[in-house]
Structures are given as structure tokens and as C-alpha cells.
C-alpha atoms as a PDB file:
ATOM      1  CA  MET A   1      54.774 104.716  -0.864  1.00  0.00           C
ATOM      2  CA  GLU A   2      57.196 101.570  -1.299  1.00  0.00           C
ATOM      3  CA  GLU A   3      55.378 100.242   2.292  1.00  0.00           C
ATOM      4  CA  ASN A   4      51.827 100.720   0.787  1.00  0.00           C
ATOM      5  CA  SER A   5      53.097  98.462  -2.402  1.00  0.00           C
ATOM      6  CA  LYS A   6      54.899  95.746  -0.313  1.00  0.00           C
ATOM      7  CA  SER A   7      51.462  95.643   1.505  1.00  0.00           C
ATOM      8  CA  SER A   8      49.617  95.444  -1.641  1.00  0.00           C
ATOM      9  CA  ASN A   9      51.591  92.730  -3.113  1.00  0.00           C
ATOM     10  CA  SER A  10      51.433  90.696   0.102  1.00  0.00           C
ATOM     11  CA  LYS A  11      47.372  91.057  -0.034  1.00  0.00           C
ATOM     12  CA  ILE A  12      47.465  89.677  -3.770  1.00  0.00           C
ATOM     13  CA  LEU A  13      49.841  86.764  -2.889  1.00  0.00           C
ATOM     14  CA  ILE A  14      47.522  85.772   0.105  1.00  0.00           C
ATOM     15  CA  ILE A  15      44.528  85.758  -1.990  1.00  0.00           C
ATOM     16  CA  ALA A  16      45.899  83.665  -4.522  1.00  0.00           C
ATOM     17  CA  LEU A  17      47.183  81.185  -2.196  1.00  0.00           C
ATOM     18  CA  THR A  18      43.682  80.812  -0.722  1.00  0.00           C
ATOM     19  CA  ILE A  19      42.212  80.597  -4.126  1.00  0.00           C
ATOM     20  CA  LEU A  20      44.849  77.949  -4.986  1.00  0.00           C
ATOM     21  CA  LEU A  21      44.269  76.244  -1.542  1.00  0.00           C
ATOM     22  CA  PHE A  22      40.585  75.798  -2.123  1.00  0.00           C
ATOM     23  CA  GLY A  23      40.955  74.905  -5.648  1.00  0.00           C
ATOM     24  CA  LEU A  24      43.385  71.869  -4.396  1.00  0.00           C
ATOM     25  CA  ILE A  25      40.812  71.206  -1.966  1.00  0.00           C
ATOM     26  CA  GLY A  26      37.976  70.941  -4.319  1.00  0.00           C
ATOM     27  CA  TYR A  27      40.268  69.037  -6.964  1.00  0.00           C
ATOM     28  CA  THR A  28      41.086  66.602  -4.083  1.00  0.00           C
ATOM     29  CA  PHE A  29      37.339  66.164  -2.809  1.00  0.00           C
ATOM     30  CA  TYR A  30      36.433  65.747  -6.710  1.00  0.00           C
ATOM     31  CA  ASN A  31      39.058  62.862  -7.310  1.00  0.00           C
ATOM     32  CA  ASN A  32      38.021  61.372  -3.898  1.00  0.00           C
ATOM     33  CA  ASN A  33      34.368  61.232  -5.125  1.00  0.00           C
ATOM     34  CA  ASP A  34      35.231  59.530  -8.313  1.00  0.00           C
ATOM     35  CA  HIS A  35      37.668  57.074  -6.620  1.00  0.00           C
ATOM     36  CA  LYS A  36      34.477  56.032  -4.386  1.00  0.00           C
ATOM     37  CA  GLU A  37      32.190  55.639  -7.478  1.00  0.00           C
ATOM     38  CA  ALA A  38      34.967  53.596  -9.206  1.00  0.00           C
ATOM     39  CA  ILE A  39      35.216  51.282  -6.111  1.00  0.00           C
ATOM     40  CA  LYS A  40      31.491  51.098  -5.869  1.00  0.00           C
ATOM     41  CA  PHE A  41      31.430  49.989  -9.564  1.00  0.00           C
ATOM     42  CA  LEU A  42      33.870  47.485  -9.241  1.00  0.00           C
ATOM     43  CA  GLN A  43      32.200  46.015  -6.152  1.00  0.00           C
ATOM     44  CA  ASP A  44      28.824  45.938  -7.791  1.00  0.00           C
ATOM     45  CA  GLU A  45      30.664  44.170 -11.000  1.00  0.00           C
ATOM     46  CA  LYS A  46      31.904  41.394  -8.518  1.00  0.00           C
ATOM     47  CA  GLU A  47      28.552  41.080  -6.822  1.00  0.00           C
ATOM     48  CA  GLN A  48      26.808  40.772 -10.329  1.00  0.00           C
ATOM     49  CA  ILE A  49      29.307  38.055 -11.347  1.00  0.00           C
ATOM     50  CA  ILE A  50      29.032  35.975  -8.167  1.00  0.00           C
ATOM     51  CA  GLY A  51      24.943  36.228  -8.702  1.00  0.00           C
ATOM     52  CA  ASN A  52      25.413  35.114 -12.197  1.00  0.00           C
ATOM     53  CA  LEU A  53      27.463  32.065 -10.977  1.00  0.00           C
ATOM     54  CA  THR A  54      25.119  31.500  -7.937  1.00  0.00           C
ATOM     55  CA  ALA A  55      22.053  31.328 -10.690  1.00  0.00           C
ATOM     56  CA  MET A  56      23.975  28.961 -13.026  1.00  0.00           C
ATOM     57  CA  GLU A  57      24.638  26.786  -9.889  1.00  0.00           C
ATOM     58  CA  GLU A  58      20.948  26.661  -9.247  1.00  0.00           C
ATOM     59  CA  LYS A  59      20.194  25.666 -12.575  1.00  0.00           C
ATOM     60  CA  TYR A  60      22.848  22.891 -12.709  1.00  0.00           C
ATOM     61  CA  ASP A  61      21.445  21.446  -9.363  1.00  0.00           C
ATOM     62  CA  VAL A  62      17.996  21.279 -11.145  1.00  0.00           C
ATOM     63  CA  ALA A  63      19.192  19.584 -14.287  1.00  0.00           C
ATOM     64  CA  ILE A  64      21.396  17.353 -12.398  1.00  0.00           C
ATOM     65  CA  ALA A  65      18.631  16.191 -10.526  1.00  0.00           C
ATOM     66  CA  GLN A  66      16.523  14.962 -13.404  1.00  0.00           C
ATOM     67  CA  ASN A  67      19.245  12.222 -13.603  1.00  0.00           C
ATOM     68  CA  THR A  68      19.625  12.377 -17.387  1.00  0.00           C
ATOM     69  CA  SER A  69      22.716  11.069 -19.139  1.00  0.00           C
ATOM     70  CA  LEU A  70      24.516  14.409 -19.090  1.00  0.00           C
ATOM     71  CA  SER A  71      24.438  14.178 -15.397  1.00  0.00           C
ATOM     72  CA  ASP A  72      28.219  13.812 -15.123  1.00  0.00           C
ATOM     73  CA  SER A  73      28.906  16.460 -17.471  1.00  0.00           C
ATOM     74  CA  LEU A  74      26.564  19.158 -15.490  1.00  0.00           C
ATOM     75  CA  SER A  75      28.353  18.079 -12.375  1.00  0.00           C
ATOM     76  CA  LEU A  76      31.646  18.888 -13.983  1.00  0.00           C
ATOM     77  CA  GLU A  77      30.767  22.272 -14.963  1.00  0.00           C
ATOM     78  CA  LYS A  78      28.947  23.131 -11.649  1.00  0.00           C
ATOM     79  CA  ASP A  79      32.452  22.243  -9.997  1.00  0.00           C
ATOM     80  CA  LYS A  80      33.995  24.816 -12.332  1.00  0.00           C
ATOM     81  CA  ILE A  81      31.519  27.555 -11.381  1.00  0.00           C
ATOM     82  CA  ALA A  82      32.127  26.775  -7.728  1.00  0.00           C
ATOM     83  CA  VAL A  83      35.885  27.138  -8.156  1.00  0.00           C
ATOM     84  CA  LEU A  84      35.457  30.578  -9.964  1.00  0.00           C
ATOM     85  CA  LYS A  85      32.773  31.583  -7.512  1.00  0.00           C
ATOM     86  CA  ASP A  86      35.509  31.195  -4.654  1.00  0.00           C
ATOM     87  CA  SER A  87      38.193  32.864  -6.534  1.00  0.00           C
ATOM     88  CA  VAL A  88      35.692  36.086  -6.840  1.00  0.00           C
ATOM     89  CA  LEU A  89      34.433  35.858  -3.330  1.00  0.00           C
ATOM     90  CA  ASN A  90      38.022  35.514  -1.891  1.00  0.00           C
ATOM     91  CA  LEU A  91      39.265  38.405  -4.108  1.00  0.00           C
ATOM     92  CA  LYS A  92      41.285  40.846  -1.943  1.00  0.00           C
ATOM     93  CA  GLN A  93      41.716  43.629  -4.268  1.00  0.00           C
ATOM     94  CA  ILE A  94      39.253  44.736  -6.993  1.00  0.00           C
ATOM     95  CA  ASN A  95      40.411  46.238 -10.176  1.00  0.00           C
ATOM     96  CA  SER A  96      39.099  46.548 -13.847  1.00  0.00           C
ATOM     97  CA  SER A  97      41.537  44.056 -14.999  1.00  0.00           C
ATOM     98  CA  VAL A  98      40.873  41.222 -12.930  1.00  0.00           C
ATOM     99  CA  LEU A  99      37.231  41.488 -13.288  1.00  0.00           C
ATOM    100  CA  ARG A 100      37.575  41.640 -16.771  1.00  0.00           C
ATOM    101  CA  ARG A 101      39.277  38.236 -16.568  1.00  0.00           C
ATOM    102  CA  TYR A 102      36.479  36.733 -14.660  1.00  0.00           C
ATOM    103  CA  ARG A 103      34.008  38.250 -16.912  1.00  0.00           C
ATOM    104  CA  GLY A 104      35.750  36.500 -19.716  1.00  0.00           C
ATOM    105  CA  GLN A 105      35.556  33.154 -17.820  1.00  0.00           C
ATOM    106  CA  LEU A 106      31.852  34.007 -16.707  1.00  0.00           C
ATOM    107  CA  ALA A 107      31.040  34.476 -20.521  1.00  0.00           C
ATOM    108  CA  ALA A 108      32.590  30.927 -21.490  1.00  0.00           C
ATOM    109  CA  LEU A 109      30.658  29.068 -18.466  1.00  0.00           C
ATOM    110  CA  GLU A 110      27.362  30.765 -19.399  1.00  0.00           C
ATOM    111  CA  LYS A 111      28.115  29.431 -23.061  1.00  0.00           C
ATOM    112  CA  THR A 112      28.664  26.008 -21.747  1.00  0.00           C
ATOM    113  CA  ASN A 113      25.622  26.317 -19.470  1.00  0.00           C
ATOM    114  CA  THR A 114      23.275  27.240 -22.368  1.00  0.00           C
ATOM    115  CA  ARG A 115      24.441  24.594 -24.480  1.00  0.00           C
ATOM    116  CA  LEU A 116      24.332  21.751 -21.813  1.00  0.00           C
ATOM    117  CA  LEU A 117      20.787  22.857 -20.435  1.00  0.00           C
ATOM    118  CA  ASP A 118      19.668  22.967 -24.101  1.00  0.00           C
ATOM    119  CA  GLU A 119      20.739  19.351 -24.601  1.00  0.00           C
ATOM    120  CA  VAL A 120      18.944  18.635 -21.255  1.00  0.00           C
ATOM    121  CA  ASP A 121      15.648  20.055 -22.406  1.00  0.00           C
ATOM    122  CA  SER A 122      16.280  17.985 -25.628  1.00  0.00           C
ATOM    123  CA  LEU A 123      16.589  14.987 -23.790  1.00  0.00           C
ATOM    124  CA  LYS A 124      13.793  15.827 -21.567  1.00  0.00           C
ATOM    125  CA  LEU A 125      11.599  16.338 -24.658  1.00  0.00           C
ATOM    126  CA  ALA A 126      12.667  13.111 -26.260  1.00  0.00           C
ATOM    127  CA  ASN A 127      12.093  11.386 -22.962  1.00  0.00           C
ATOM    128  CA  ASN A 128       8.480  12.829 -22.655  1.00  0.00           C
ATOM    129  CA  ILE A 129       7.823  11.628 -26.320  1.00  0.00           C
ATOM    130  CA  LEU A 130       9.169   8.140 -25.292  1.00  0.00           C
ATOM    131  CA  THR A 131       7.021   8.093 -22.094  1.00  0.00           C
ATOM    132  CA  GLU A 132       3.880   9.054 -23.938  1.00  0.00           C
ATOM    133  CA  GLU A 133       4.806   6.514 -26.464  1.00  0.00           C
ATOM    134  CA  LYS A 134       5.146   3.726 -23.877  1.00  0.00           C
ATOM    135  CA  ASP A 135       2.220   4.914 -22.022  1.00  0.00           C
ATOM    136  CA  SER A 136       0.246   4.613 -25.202  1.00  0.00           C
ATOM    137  CA  ILE A 137       1.798   1.136 -26.036  1.00  0.00           C
ATOM    138  CA  ASN A 138       1.025   0.193 -22.254  1.00  0.00           C
ATOM    139  CA  SER A 139      -2.524   1.191 -22.699  1.00  0.00           C
ATOM    140  CA  GLN A 140      -3.040  -0.845 -25.857  1.00  0.00           C
ATOM    141  CA  LEU A 141      -1.546  -3.840 -24.468  1.00  0.00           C
ATOM    142  CA  GLU A 142      -3.910  -3.677 -21.589  1.00  0.00           C
ATOM    143  CA  ILE A 143      -6.755  -3.117 -24.093  1.00  0.00           C
ATOM    144  CA  GLN A 144      -5.146  -6.024 -26.182  1.00  0.00           C
ATOM    145  CA  THR A 145      -4.711  -8.082 -22.750  1.00  0.00           C
ATOM    146  CA  THR A 146      -8.389  -7.217 -21.770  1.00  0.00           C
ATOM    147  CA  TYR A 147      -9.476  -8.584 -25.063  1.00  0.00           C
ATOM    148  CA  ASN A 148      -7.229 -11.722 -25.267  1.00  0.00           C
ATOM    149  CA  ASP A 149      -8.746 -12.679 -21.503  1.00  0.00           C
ATOM    150  CA  THR A 150     -12.161 -12.105 -22.840  1.00  0.00           C
ATOM    151  CA  LEU A 151     -11.449 -14.403 -25.755  1.00  0.00           C
ATOM    152  CA  VAL A 152     -10.020 -16.968 -23.669  1.00  0.00           C
ATOM    153  CA  ALA A 153     -13.209 -16.679 -21.508  1.00  0.00           C
ATOM    154  CA  GLN A 154     -15.216 -16.974 -24.481  1.00  0.00           C
ATOM    155  CA  ASN A 155     -13.318 -19.928 -25.771  1.00  0.00           C
ATOM    156  CA  MET A 156     -13.413 -21.646 -22.534  1.00  0.00           C
ATOM    157  CA  GLU A 157     -17.381 -21.269 -22.324  1.00  0.00           C
ATOM    158  CA  LEU A 158     -17.699 -22.229 -25.930  1.00  0.00           C
ATOM    159  CA  ALA A 159     -15.273 -25.510 -25.401  1.00  0.00           C
ATOM    160  CA  ARG A 160     -17.632 -26.125 -22.268  1.00  0.00           C
ATOM    161  CA  LYS A 161     -20.808 -25.788 -24.217  1.00  0.00           C
ATOM    162  CA  VAL A 162     -19.244 -27.866 -27.135  1.00  0.00           C
ATOM    163  CA  GLU A 163     -18.185 -30.497 -24.493  1.00  0.00           C
ATOM    164  CA  ILE A 164     -21.494 -30.609 -22.776  1.00  0.00           C
ATOM    165  CA  GLY A 165     -23.152 -30.320 -26.340  1.00  0.00           C
ATOM    166  CA  GLY A 166     -20.978 -33.031 -27.608  1.00  0.00           C
ATOM    167  CA  ALA A 167     -21.358 -35.734 -24.569  1.00  0.00           C
ATOM    168  CA  ILE A 168     -23.048 -38.990 -25.163  1.00  0.00           C
ATOM    169  CA  ASN A 169     -26.079 -39.300 -22.933  1.00  0.00           C
ATOM    170  CA  VAL A 170     -27.498 -42.619 -22.216  1.00  0.00           C
ATOM    171  CA  GLU A 171     -31.429 -43.742 -21.701  1.00  0.00           C
ATOM    172  CA  ASN A 172     -33.322 -46.965 -20.537  1.00  0.00           C
ATOM    173  CA  VAL A 173     -30.700 -48.281 -18.262  1.00  0.00           C
ATOM    174  CA  VAL A 174     -32.333 -51.634 -17.131  1.00  0.00           C
ATOM    175  CA  VAL A 175     -30.714 -54.141 -14.587  1.00  0.00           C
ATOM    176  CA  THR A 176     -32.180 -57.659 -14.534  1.00  0.00           C
ATOM    177  CA  ALA A 177     -31.371 -60.586 -12.220  1.00  0.00           C
ATOM    178  CA  MET A 178     -30.658 -63.873 -14.340  1.00  0.00           C
ATOM    179  CA  LYS A 179     -30.647 -67.343 -13.028  1.00  0.00           C
ATOM    180  CA  MET A 180     -29.078 -70.174 -15.365  1.00  0.00           C
ATOM    181  CA  ARG A 181     -31.522 -73.031 -16.351  1.00  0.00           C
ATOM    182  CA  SER A 182     -30.162 -76.630 -16.497  1.00  0.00           C
ATOM    183  CA  ASN A 183     -29.986 -76.248 -20.470  1.00  0.00           C
ATOM    184  CA  GLY A 184     -27.386 -73.274 -19.961  1.00  0.00           C
ATOM    185  CA  LYS A 185     -29.834 -70.582 -20.789  1.00  0.00           C
ATOM    186  CA  TYR A 186     -30.602 -67.333 -18.478  1.00  0.00           C
ATOM    187  CA  THR A 187     -34.026 -66.451 -17.454  1.00  0.00           C
ATOM    188  CA  GLU A 188     -35.100 -63.580 -15.265  1.00  0.00           C
ATOM    189  CA  THR A 189     -35.697 -63.867 -11.578  1.00  0.00           C
ATOM    190  CA  ASN A 190     -36.111 -61.717  -8.842  1.00  0.00           C
ATOM    191  CA  LYS A 191     -34.904 -63.904  -6.148  1.00  0.00           C
ATOM    192  CA  ALA A 192     -31.386 -63.285  -4.345  1.00  0.00           C
ATOM    193  CA  GLN A 193     -30.618 -66.944  -4.042  1.00  0.00           C
ATOM    194  CA  LYS A 194     -31.586 -68.089  -7.513  1.00  0.00           C
ATOM    195  CA  THR A 195     -29.466 -65.231  -9.228  1.00  0.00           C
ATOM    196  CA  ASP A 196     -26.627 -66.288 -11.234  1.00  0.00           C
ATOM    197  CA  ALA A 197     -25.762 -63.331 -13.182  1.00  0.00           C
ATOM    198  CA  ILE A 198     -26.827 -59.478 -13.390  1.00  0.00           C
ATOM    199  CA  LYS A 199     -27.715 -58.188 -16.916  1.00  0.00           C
ATOM    200  CA  VAL A 200     -27.296 -54.407 -17.673  1.00  0.00           C
ATOM    201  CA  SER A 201     -28.502 -52.819 -20.677  1.00  0.00           C
ATOM    202  CA  PHE A 202     -28.617 -49.500 -21.861  1.00  0.00           C
ATOM    203  CA  ARG A 203     -28.786 -47.158 -25.198  1.00  0.00           C
ATOM    204  CA  LEU A 204     -26.298 -44.688 -26.194  1.00  0.00           C
ATOM    205  CA  LEU A 205     -28.114 -42.009 -27.904  1.00  0.00           C
ATOM    206  CA  GLU A 206     -27.559 -40.346 -31.100  1.00  0.00           C
ATOM    207  CA  ASN A 207     -25.628 -36.984 -31.032  1.00  0.00           C
ATOM    208  CA  GLU A 208     -24.270 -35.524 -34.639  1.00  0.00           C
ATOM    209  CA  ILE A 209     -21.656 -33.106 -32.544  1.00  0.00           C
ATOM    210  CA  ALA A 210     -20.355 -35.803 -30.656  1.00  0.00           C
ATOM    211  CA  GLU A 211     -16.786 -37.358 -31.642  1.00  0.00           C
ATOM    212  CA  PRO A 212     -17.220 -40.548 -33.262  1.00  0.00           C
ATOM    213  CA  GLY A 213     -15.085 -43.876 -32.233  1.00  0.00           C
ATOM    214  CA  ASP A 214     -14.321 -46.113 -29.585  1.00  0.00           C
ATOM    215  CA  ARG A 215     -15.730 -45.420 -26.375  1.00  0.00           C
ATOM    216  CA  GLU A 216     -15.115 -47.057 -23.066  1.00  0.00           C
ATOM    217  CA  ALA A 217     -18.264 -48.054 -21.078  1.00  0.00           C
ATOM    218  CA  TYR A 218     -18.039 -48.815 -17.317  1.00  0.00           C
ATOM    219  CA  ILE A 219     -20.637 -50.291 -15.033  1.00  0.00           C
ATOM    220  CA  VAL A 220     -20.265 -49.925 -10.886  1.00  0.00           C
ATOM    221  CA  LEU A 221     -22.517 -52.420  -9.285  1.00  0.00           C
ATOM    222  CA  LYS A 222     -22.840 -52.338  -5.603  1.00  0.00           C
ATOM    223  CA  ASN A 223     -24.393 -54.610  -2.996  1.00  0.00           C
ATOM    224  CA  PRO A 224     -26.723 -53.220  -0.492  1.00  0.00           C
ATOM    225  CA  GLY A 225     -23.793 -52.468   1.941  1.00  0.00           C
ATOM    226  CA  GLY A 226     -22.290 -50.214  -0.480  1.00  0.00           C
ATOM    227  CA  MET A 227     -19.359 -52.572  -1.525  1.00  0.00           C
ATOM    228  CA  VAL A 228     -18.444 -52.774  -5.396  1.00  0.00           C
ATOM    229  CA  ILE A 229     -19.376 -56.407  -6.711  1.00  0.00           C
ATOM    230  CA  ASN A 230     -16.813 -58.306  -8.394  1.00  0.00           C
ATOM    231  CA  ALA A 231     -14.556 -55.546  -8.947  1.00  0.00           C
ATOM    232  CA  LYS A 232     -12.078 -56.042 -12.050  1.00  0.00           C
ATOM    233  CA  GLY A 233     -10.021 -52.987 -11.800  1.00  0.00           C
ATOM    234  CA  THR A 234     -10.091 -49.144 -11.464  1.00  0.00           C
ATOM    235  CA  PHE A 235     -10.922 -46.392 -14.002  1.00  0.00           C
ATOM    236  CA  MET A 236     -10.235 -42.477 -13.886  1.00  0.00           C
ATOM    237  CA  MET A 237     -13.391 -40.400 -13.486  1.00  0.00           C
ATOM    238  CA  ILE A 238     -13.876 -36.955 -15.176  1.00  0.00           C
ATOM    239  CA  ASP A 239     -13.140 -35.395 -11.843  1.00  0.00           C
ATOM    240  CA  GLY A 240      -9.550 -36.800 -11.798  1.00  0.00           C
ATOM    241  CA  THR A 241     -10.377 -39.433  -8.763  1.00  0.00           C
ATOM    242  CA  GLU A 242     -10.086 -43.341  -9.339  1.00  0.00           C
ATOM    243  CA  ALA A 243     -13.025 -45.607  -8.792  1.00  0.00           C
ATOM    244  CA  LYS A 244     -13.472 -49.420  -8.878  1.00  0.00           C
ATOM    245  CA  TYR A 245     -15.824 -50.865 -11.683  1.00  0.00           C
ATOM    246  CA  THR A 246     -17.606 -54.029 -11.914  1.00  0.00           C
ATOM    247  CA  ASP A 247     -17.384 -54.376 -15.744  1.00  0.00           C
ATOM    248  CA  GLN A 248     -16.039 -52.766 -18.798  1.00  0.00           C
ATOM    249  CA  THR A 249     -16.339 -52.714 -22.334  1.00  0.00           C
ATOM    250  CA  ILE A 250     -15.395 -50.762 -25.468  1.00  0.00           C
ATOM    251  CA  VAL A 251     -17.944 -49.812 -28.125  1.00  0.00           C
ATOM    252  CA  ASN A 252     -17.674 -48.303 -31.518  1.00  0.00           C
ATOM    253  CA  TYR A 253     -19.796 -45.172 -31.356  1.00  0.00           C
ATOM    254  CA  GLU A 254     -20.915 -43.585 -34.656  1.00  0.00           C
ATOM    255  CA  ASN A 255     -23.045 -40.805 -33.684  1.00  0.00           C
ATOM    256  CA  ALA A 256     -26.118 -42.899 -33.759  1.00  0.00           C
ATOM    257  CA  ASP A 257     -28.411 -44.878 -31.185  1.00  0.00           C
ATOM    258  CA  LEU A 258     -26.326 -47.655 -30.033  1.00  0.00           C
ATOM    259  CA  ASP A 259     -27.965 -50.586 -27.410  1.00  0.00           C
ATOM    260  CA  VAL A 260     -25.085 -52.172 -25.139  1.00  0.00           C
ATOM    261  CA  VAL A 261     -25.654 -55.030 -23.201  1.00  0.00           C
ATOM    262  CA  MET A 262     -23.407 -56.143 -20.441  1.00  0.00           C
ATOM    263  CA  LEU A 263     -23.463 -59.411 -18.248  1.00  0.00           C
ATOM    264  CA  VAL A 264     -22.065 -59.723 -14.619  1.00  0.00           C
ATOM    265  CA  GLU A 265     -21.710 -63.208 -13.729  1.00  0.00           C
ATOM    266  CA  ARG A 266     -21.849 -64.297 -10.033  1.00  0.00           C
ATOM    267  CA  LYS A 267     -18.767 -65.419  -8.273  1.00  0.00           C
ATOM    268  CA  GLY A 268     -18.505 -66.981  -4.807  1.00  0.00           C
ATOM    269  CA  ASP A 269     -21.436 -66.587  -2.470  1.00  0.00           C
ATOM    270  CA  LYS A 270     -24.834 -66.098  -3.585  1.00  0.00           C
ATOM    271  CA  TYR A 271     -26.261 -62.758  -3.497  1.00  0.00           C
ATOM    272  CA  GLU A 272     -28.510 -61.494  -0.749  1.00  0.00           C
ATOM    273  CA  ALA A 273     -31.805 -59.950  -0.728  1.00  0.00           C
ATOM    274  CA  GLY A 274     -31.619 -55.834  -0.945  1.00  0.00           C
ATOM    275  CA  VAL A 275     -31.477 -53.067  -3.287  1.00  0.00           C
ATOM    276  CA  TYR A 276     -28.192 -53.138  -5.556  1.00  0.00           C
ATOM    277  CA  PRO A 277     -27.624 -49.705  -7.150  1.00  0.00           C
ATOM    278  CA  ILE A 278     -25.838 -49.479 -10.431  1.00  0.00           C
ATOM    279  CA  GLU A 279     -24.154 -46.705 -12.402  1.00  0.00           C
ATOM    280  CA  VAL A 280     -23.208 -46.395 -15.822  1.00  0.00           C
ATOM    281  CA  PHE A 281     -20.165 -44.225 -17.028  1.00  0.00           C
ATOM    282  CA  VAL A 282     -18.855 -43.361 -20.532  1.00  0.00           C
ATOM    283  CA  ASP A 283     -15.400 -42.045 -20.782  1.00  0.00           C
ATOM    284  CA  GLY A 284     -15.170 -41.548 -16.985  1.00  0.00           C
ATOM    285  CA  LYS A 285     -18.411 -39.318 -16.885  1.00  0.00           C
ATOM    286  CA  PRO A 286     -21.764 -40.498 -14.949  1.00  0.00           C
ATOM    287  CA  VAL A 287     -24.291 -40.994 -17.554  1.00  0.00           C
ATOM    288  CA  GLY A 288     -27.176 -43.236 -16.118  1.00  0.00           C
ATOM    289  CA  SER A 289     -28.114 -45.163 -12.938  1.00  0.00           C
ATOM    290  CA  ALA A 290     -30.793 -47.786 -11.986  1.00  0.00           C
ATOM    291  CA  ASN A 291     -31.402 -50.063  -8.851  1.00  0.00           C
ATOM    292  CA  LEU A 292     -32.097 -53.803  -8.674  1.00  0.00           C
ATOM    293  CA  GLU A 293     -34.129 -55.110  -5.812  1.00  0.00           C
ATOM    294  CA  LEU A 294     -33.572 -58.914  -5.139  1.00  0.00           C
ATOM    295  CA  ASN A 295     -35.868 -60.642  -2.485  1.00  0.00           C
ATOM    296  CA  ASP A 296     -35.443 -63.721  -0.422  1.00  0.00           C
ATOM    297  CA  SER A 297     -36.935 -67.026  -1.968  1.00  0.00           C
ATOM    298  CA  PHE A 298     -39.801 -68.671  -0.203  1.00  0.00           C
ATOM    299  CA  LEU A 299     -39.403 -72.092   0.558  1.00  0.00           C
ATOM    300  CA  GLY A 300     -36.501 -72.539  -1.934  1.00  0.00           C
ATOM    301  CA  LEU A 301     -38.982 -71.282  -4.568  1.00  0.00           C
END
């Protein structure tokens, strides 16, 4: 009887120990799973922090590349992110306390990041407005420049037309060979050897829009060989070149017809037979021309 009682107690103890063992195993397994989940959670937190820091670095790279006045500040904040990121990457042991501290630093950096990028956006907007205004001003300047160039061209054309319209023209250029009689008076001749002087007459025509006042008139008389006869000096032609002249006079032009007579007296050798071309210039512009033909004398007559 006593032996049966002992046997029964032993069985109960074994069962109790078995139940306790399985309970301990279950508790240990449960705690081990909780630990793994906690580690995984902390690891996920670490990766999320690193991801957020990397994303901020990329945003700073874009903003720095825009080369605004905030580029130095952006570079400084990016360096801070790089330091924190290295700290998180090199973290040996992960616990909630350390990650909480990193989370706090991340929040502070994100706040600064948001402020700086907002300022960059404001600068970009202001720059875009300035660029549009500059483009508008440049466009207006181009239009104004084109308009001014057109006005200049029109004014130059108008000035040219006024100059042409205001030019003094000449008509009736007459060249006459003269011989001096014994009484000192001149009479016409066509004989080269008898020519003592050459008379040139022409008329300045009326032009109401021409500028009144003194005008310089020049005559250029050339011999049959093309040489200027009795050159007194040089004058400046309208094209800027200098030319020899035979005679010169100043006439007072009052916008009305004006007859001019000039006399070129012979100096030195007698004239030779041939054609003598003559040109008339007023204020350096060629305004008329004519030819004088002189013949040989026959038996001194």
C-alpha cells in the first residue's frame, strides 16, 4: 500500500516537471521571438534614418548645383548630414535609446532642410521673375534699337535727299578763247596762237532749299594732254581727295539765279591747237563741264 502511494507521487512529480519544462521551453521560445522582432524593428529604424539622411543629401546636391547665395549654407548642412549618417552606419549596438537620440538629430536636420530649401525655392522664384523681367527689357531694347536703327537710316536717307535737293546746280557753262586787241580790249577767237585768255561763264541756278551764303567756285582747265593749266593751288573735292584748280572765286548765293564769269589769262607759252576740257566745281562738287577747241592759225591769221 505504501509502495503504491510512493509510485503515485513519483508519477505526479514527473508529470509536473514535464509540464514545467514545456512551459519553460515555450516561454523561452516566446521571449526569443520577441527579441528577434525587437532587433528587426530597431534595424528597420536604423535603415529608415539612413534612408532619410540619404534623401536629404540628394536634395542638397540638387540645391547646391543651382549655385545660389545659399550654396555655402547648404554645403555646411550637407556635411552635418554626412557626419550623422556615418555615425548611424557605424553603429555597433542598436538600442532604442541611441536610435531615439539619432531620431532627434534627424528631426532637427529635417527642419533646417525644409527651411533652407524653401529659401532656395524663394530665390529661384525671384530669379525667374528677374529673368523674365530682364528678357522683357532686352526684348524692348531690341525693339527700340531696331526702331532707332530704322530712324537713323531714315534720317540718313532724308539728309541725303535734302543734300541732293539742296545742291546748287549750274547751267550754260560757256568757254571762250579771247585775244587782246591793241586798245586793251578782249575779243573772241578760235585760234590757239592768238589766245591770250580763256573766259569761263556759267549760271548758278535758283534753289529755294539750298543754304544761302558765300560759296566757293573752282574751275579746272586742262590742256589737250590732260595737264591742269596755270594751277593756282589745290582744293578738297566732295570725295575727300585733293585736286589742282586753275582759278577760284567766292560768290554770294541768295537762292536765286546768279551769273558767274571767270577769266584765265595766259602765262608763258602760247596755247597749242586741240581740245581743252574744263570742269566747274561748287563747294567741292562737280556741277558742270564744257570743252574749248582751238585751231591752228593759217598764215598768221
